Amino acid sequence: MKTIFSILLLLFPFLLFSQNQEKTTTLTQSKNDKSVVVKKTKANVETVKDVPNYPSEEYLKAHQVPDDFPRYKDTGNPKLDNARYHDEKQQWFQKNPDRFEKIKHLNL
């Protein structure tokens, strides 16, 4: 009895680890001489998405941000768009230091 208990105790962490791994099942069906491959994966898999962090137009208007303040332009390339937006903001801050003082507390 002690032997069985000690074996289970030693194997318990490995059993937990194996249950947390993503399980993928592949089914192959033949239909009219065409094979269809269906993959099922674990439903709770999180995907990381590069979502740009920029203020909405509503946020800018609600906090009375000047109309000439740069706006984020989404071209489909988030890295390039974020870099362009950052550079435009920095240039605006340098050209408008007094107006920047009024809005520097905002999440822009």
C-alpha atoms as a PDB file:
ATOM      1  CA  MET A   1       0.000   0.000   0.000  1.00  0.00           C
ATOM      2  CA  LYS A   2       2.842   2.387   0.845  1.00  0.00           C
ATOM      3  CA  THR A   3       4.505   1.560  -2.458  1.00  0.00           C
ATOM      4  CA  ILE A   4       1.405   2.413  -4.474  1.00  0.00           C
ATOM      5  CA  PHE A   5       0.913   5.635  -2.538  1.00  0.00           C
ATOM      6  CA  SER A   6       4.533   6.710  -3.041  1.00  0.00           C
ATOM      7  CA  ILE A   7       4.368   5.926  -6.787  1.00  0.00           C
ATOM      8  CA  LEU A   8       1.187   7.979  -7.142  1.00  0.00           C
ATOM      9  CA  LEU A   9       2.735  10.793  -5.157  1.00  0.00           C
ATOM     10  CA  LEU A  10       5.765  10.838  -7.446  1.00  0.00           C
ATOM     11  CA  LEU A  11       3.695  10.650 -10.638  1.00  0.00           C
ATOM     12  CA  PHE A  12       1.061  13.213  -9.583  1.00  0.00           C
ATOM     13  CA  PRO A  13       3.001  16.310 -10.815  1.00  0.00           C
ATOM     14  CA  PHE A  14       3.598  14.666 -14.186  1.00  0.00           C
ATOM     15  CA  LEU A  15      -0.086  13.848 -14.524  1.00  0.00           C
ATOM     16  CA  LEU A  16      -1.016  17.464 -13.784  1.00  0.00           C
ATOM     17  CA  PHE A  17       1.519  18.740 -16.308  1.00  0.00           C
ATOM     18  CA  SER A  18       0.250  16.454 -19.043  1.00  0.00           C
ATOM     19  CA  GLN A  19      -3.336  17.685 -18.542  1.00  0.00           C
ATOM     20  CA  ASN A  20      -2.310  21.328 -18.989  1.00  0.00           C
ATOM     21  CA  GLN A  21      -0.685  20.748 -22.361  1.00  0.00           C
ATOM     22  CA  GLU A  22      -2.607  21.799 -25.451  1.00  0.00           C
ATOM     23  CA  LYS A  23      -4.223  18.775 -26.965  1.00  0.00           C
ATOM     24  CA  THR A  24      -4.693  18.605 -30.705  1.00  0.00           C
ATOM     25  CA  THR A  25      -6.766  15.985 -32.430  1.00  0.00           C
ATOM     26  CA  THR A  26      -6.546  15.487 -36.166  1.00  0.00           C
ATOM     27  CA  LEU A  27      -9.327  13.747 -38.031  1.00  0.00           C
ATOM     28  CA  THR A  28      -9.072  12.767 -41.661  1.00  0.00           C
ATOM     29  CA  GLN A  29     -12.241  12.109 -43.632  1.00  0.00           C
ATOM     30  CA  SER A  30     -12.436  10.830 -47.178  1.00  0.00           C
ATOM     31  CA  LYS A  31     -15.187  12.351 -49.278  1.00  0.00           C
ATOM     32  CA  ASN A  32     -15.373  11.766 -53.033  1.00  0.00           C
ATOM     33  CA  ASP A  33     -11.651  10.995 -53.276  1.00  0.00           C
ATOM     34  CA  LYS A  34     -10.815  14.198 -51.424  1.00  0.00           C
ATOM     35  CA  SER A  35      -9.349  14.079 -47.960  1.00  0.00           C
ATOM     36  CA  VAL A  36     -10.436  16.708 -45.466  1.00  0.00           C
ATOM     37  CA  VAL A  37      -8.281  17.384 -42.421  1.00  0.00           C
ATOM     38  CA  VAL A  38     -10.071  18.754 -39.372  1.00  0.00           C
ATOM     39  CA  LYS A  39      -8.057  19.943 -36.398  1.00  0.00           C
ATOM     40  CA  LYS A  40      -9.581  20.419 -32.987  1.00  0.00           C
ATOM     41  CA  THR A  41      -7.616  22.303 -30.373  1.00  0.00           C
ATOM     42  CA  LYS A  42      -8.190  23.198 -26.766  1.00  0.00           C
ATOM     43  CA  ALA A  43     -10.739  26.009 -26.517  1.00  0.00           C
ATOM     44  CA  ASN A  44      -9.052  28.056 -23.778  1.00  0.00           C
ATOM     45  CA  VAL A  45      -5.915  28.943 -25.722  1.00  0.00           C
ATOM     46  CA  GLU A  46      -5.147  32.663 -25.450  1.00  0.00           C
ATOM     47  CA  THR A  47      -3.816  34.533 -28.434  1.00  0.00           C
ATOM     48  CA  VAL A  48      -1.723  37.664 -28.133  1.00  0.00           C
ATOM     49  CA  LYS A  49      -2.786  40.474 -30.397  1.00  0.00           C
ATOM     50  CA  ASP A  50      -0.859  43.649 -31.035  1.00  0.00           C
ATOM     51  CA  VAL A  51      -3.576  46.183 -30.283  1.00  0.00           C
ATOM     52  CA  PRO A  52      -2.615  49.814 -30.693  1.00  0.00           C
ATOM     53  CA  ASN A  53      -3.059  51.973 -27.617  1.00  0.00           C
ATOM     54  CA  TYR A  54      -4.319  55.356 -28.745  1.00  0.00           C
ATOM     55  CA  PRO A  55      -7.124  57.651 -27.555  1.00  0.00           C
ATOM     56  CA  SER A  56     -10.457  57.625 -29.336  1.00  0.00           C
ATOM     57  CA  GLU A  57     -11.928  60.711 -30.950  1.00  0.00           C
ATOM     58  CA  GLU A  58     -14.569  60.813 -28.203  1.00  0.00           C
ATOM     59  CA  TYR A  59     -11.866  60.825 -25.528  1.00  0.00           C
ATOM     60  CA  LEU A  60     -10.010  63.660 -27.245  1.00  0.00           C
ATOM     61  CA  LYS A  61     -13.153  65.791 -27.575  1.00  0.00           C
ATOM     62  CA  ALA A  62     -14.326  65.073 -24.026  1.00  0.00           C
ATOM     63  CA  HIS A  63     -10.971  66.260 -22.625  1.00  0.00           C
ATOM     64  CA  GLN A  64     -10.776  69.289 -24.951  1.00  0.00           C
ATOM     65  CA  VAL A  65      -7.629  68.227 -26.757  1.00  0.00           C
ATOM     66  CA  PRO A  66      -6.801  70.755 -29.522  1.00  0.00           C
ATOM     67  CA  ASP A  67      -7.975  69.893 -33.028  1.00  0.00           C
ATOM     68  CA  ASP A  68      -4.458  70.113 -34.448  1.00  0.00           C
ATOM     69  CA  PHE A  69      -3.202  67.425 -32.035  1.00  0.00           C
ATOM     70  CA  PRO A  70      -2.023  64.375 -34.072  1.00  0.00           C
ATOM     71  CA  ARG A  71      -4.509  61.554 -34.585  1.00  0.00           C
ATOM     72  CA  TYR A  72      -3.637  57.877 -34.856  1.00  0.00           C
ATOM     73  CA  LYS A  73      -3.907  56.647 -38.450  1.00  0.00           C
ATOM     74  CA  ASP A  74      -4.484  52.902 -38.813  1.00  0.00           C
ATOM     75  CA  THR A  75      -2.867  51.599 -42.000  1.00  0.00           C
ATOM     76  CA  GLY A  76      -2.849  47.945 -40.932  1.00  0.00           C
ATOM     77  CA  ASN A  77       0.772  47.959 -39.735  1.00  0.00           C
ATOM     78  CA  PRO A  78       0.562  48.567 -35.952  1.00  0.00           C
ATOM     79  CA  LYS A  79       4.318  48.932 -35.402  1.00  0.00           C
ATOM     80  CA  LEU A  80       4.724  51.543 -38.118  1.00  0.00           C
ATOM     81  CA  ASP A  81       1.489  53.307 -37.132  1.00  0.00           C
ATOM     82  CA  ASN A  82       2.512  53.492 -33.456  1.00  0.00           C
ATOM     83  CA  ALA A  83       5.953  54.836 -34.359  1.00  0.00           C
ATOM     84  CA  ARG A  84       4.473  57.469 -36.673  1.00  0.00           C
ATOM     85  CA  TYR A  85       1.908  58.530 -34.048  1.00  0.00           C
ATOM     86  CA  HIS A  86       4.601  58.784 -31.368  1.00  0.00           C
ATOM     87  CA  ASP A  87       6.854  60.931 -33.599  1.00  0.00           C
ATOM     88  CA  GLU A  88       3.973  63.247 -34.551  1.00  0.00           C
ATOM     89  CA  LYS A  89       3.055  63.689 -30.873  1.00  0.00           C
ATOM     90  CA  GLN A  90       6.648  64.526 -29.928  1.00  0.00           C
ATOM     91  CA  GLN A  91       6.846  67.145 -32.680  1.00  0.00           C
ATOM     92  CA  TRP A  92       3.527  68.639 -31.565  1.00  0.00           C
ATOM     93  CA  PHE A  93       4.731  68.769 -27.929  1.00  0.00           C
ATOM     94  CA  GLN A  94       7.880  70.642 -28.998  1.00  0.00           C
ATOM     95  CA  LYS A  95       5.953  73.137 -31.147  1.00  0.00           C
ATOM     96  CA  ASN A  96       3.220  73.742 -28.560  1.00  0.00           C
ATOM     97  CA  PRO A  97       4.767  73.621 -25.064  1.00  0.00           C
ATOM     98  CA  ASP A  98       2.139  75.897 -23.478  1.00  0.00           C
ATOM     99  CA  ARG A  99      -0.774  73.875 -24.901  1.00  0.00           C
ATOM    100  CA  PHE A 100       0.988  70.652 -23.957  1.00  0.00           C
ATOM    101  CA  GLU A 101       1.082  71.765 -20.297  1.00  0.00           C
ATOM    102  CA  LYS A 102      -2.742  71.819 -20.289  1.00  0.00           C
ATOM    103  CA  ILE A 103      -3.108  68.248 -21.574  1.00  0.00           C
ATOM    104  CA  LYS A 104       0.015  66.458 -20.318  1.00  0.00           C
ATOM    105  CA  HIS A 105      -1.950  64.731 -17.544  1.00  0.00           C
ATOM    106  CA  LEU A 106      -4.091  62.894 -20.139  1.00  0.00           C
ATOM    107  CA  ASN A 107      -3.384  59.411 -21.465  1.00  0.00           C
ATOM    108  CA  LEU A 108      -2.276  60.410 -24.946  1.00  0.00           C
END
